[in-house]
Amino acid sequence: MCQKAGMGKESCMRSQTYGMNEAERFGGKYIYFCPLGLTCFVSPILGSEGSEAKITVGPFLMVERADFIECDLSMRISLSQPQIEAASAELENVPVVSTEKINDMSTLLFMAVGFMNNVSAANRMLDTQSSDAIQGQITEYILQLKGHEAQPYPFETERSLMKAIMRSDKPEAQRLLNELYGYIFFKEGGDFEQAKSRIYELLVLISRTAIDAGADPEGALKLSHTYLHALPSLKDIDAPCFWLTGVMNKFIDSVFTYIEVKHSDAISKTILYLRTHCEEKITLEQMAASTYLSPAYFSRIFKQETGEAFSCYLSNLRIEKAKEMLAHSAVRLTDISIACGFSDQSYFTKVFKKATGMLPLKYRETKGSTTAAKGT
């Protein structure tokens, strides 16, 4: 369906990885929204060195199809009409599931994954191939160093590594990391314990760079703590180079390429809440706090995602609900204003007229059914 909507696989992959990272962070399960606004849930499969795989289930709809097409595909993502029609056809295959059932299924997946064994051994052969390639690059750099006089520590290479991590350039980061490791190995003359102390410094540098680039501080520090405790257990001189590559890639995967996914997920959850609770008193500060963002920042990204300011979006949502009630029910205006989150009927009337160009009763007479027209 993403392809029909003109969206590439990359955003979906980032969304899935973000979901798995959050599942690790929140105890083994996580419910999230994909870039289109569909619901998925995920649980990671843990091996001896952390997450080795994941099981993602979805997509599901937690709102009616018509609402999803109008609010998400048309308004939030702003797809063209042909894209909306193509995506809507695929949408027929997506089940509509309640929030309670999604939570229950997520718990079942979490329990099922708990019975799975360690799966890390399946990756040993692939790890060996990657390690050989990395070791070859390091050896080549050491041979270059031997042909020159003693060089000072390559701080410029270190700074370039930080920049590569910040822009999530894994190939360039790998090349620079290999050079730094080659320098450390050459400089320390094979003293493994001394080399590990320099690797410790690199690990701290990589962790701090990831945080500066936008990785979740709590998650990055937790990763750093885990890896720092694992470093002393490395016994082979060749092991740290491949181990450090895995560490660096893990941090790169947590960097700011997922900020947009995180924010999209937060805004999608906000929109779902607004749709189902618009009759309540809702403030921007309240919703910002629920997403762990500052009110100013939340306001900015909400407008980026929806194209409307928070207050306008909420007001329009309430007006749409009021229009639906006016057209298809005989509920009194006083009750409609309360059901749609307006403080009193006079304020509701004022806002409704500004949005539609007519008074609520006039709208009911024009758009409403015979039954609805009897309400006052």
Foldseek 3Di string as FASTA:
>chain_A
DCVLQVHDCVQQVLLVLVQALVCVVVPFKGWWAGLQLFIKMKGFQAAPQGGDGMDIDDGAAQDDLVCSLVQRSCFQVNGDPSSSVSVSVVCVPHYHDHPVVNVVVRVVVSVVSVPDYHDVVVCVVVLVVVLVVLVVLLVVLLVVCVVDPDDDQPVVLVVVLLVCLLVLVLVSNSNSLSNNLSSLCNVVVNPQVSSLVVVLVSLVSLLVSQVVSPFDNVSSVVLSVVVVVCSVVDDDSSPVSSVSSVSNNVSSSRHDVSVLSLLSRLLSVVVVCLLVPQLADDDLCVSCVVSVHHSVVNQVVNCVRRVDGPVVVSLVSLLVQLLVCLAEAQDAQQVSCNSSRHPGSVVVQVSNCVVPVDGSLVSSVVRHDPRSNNHD
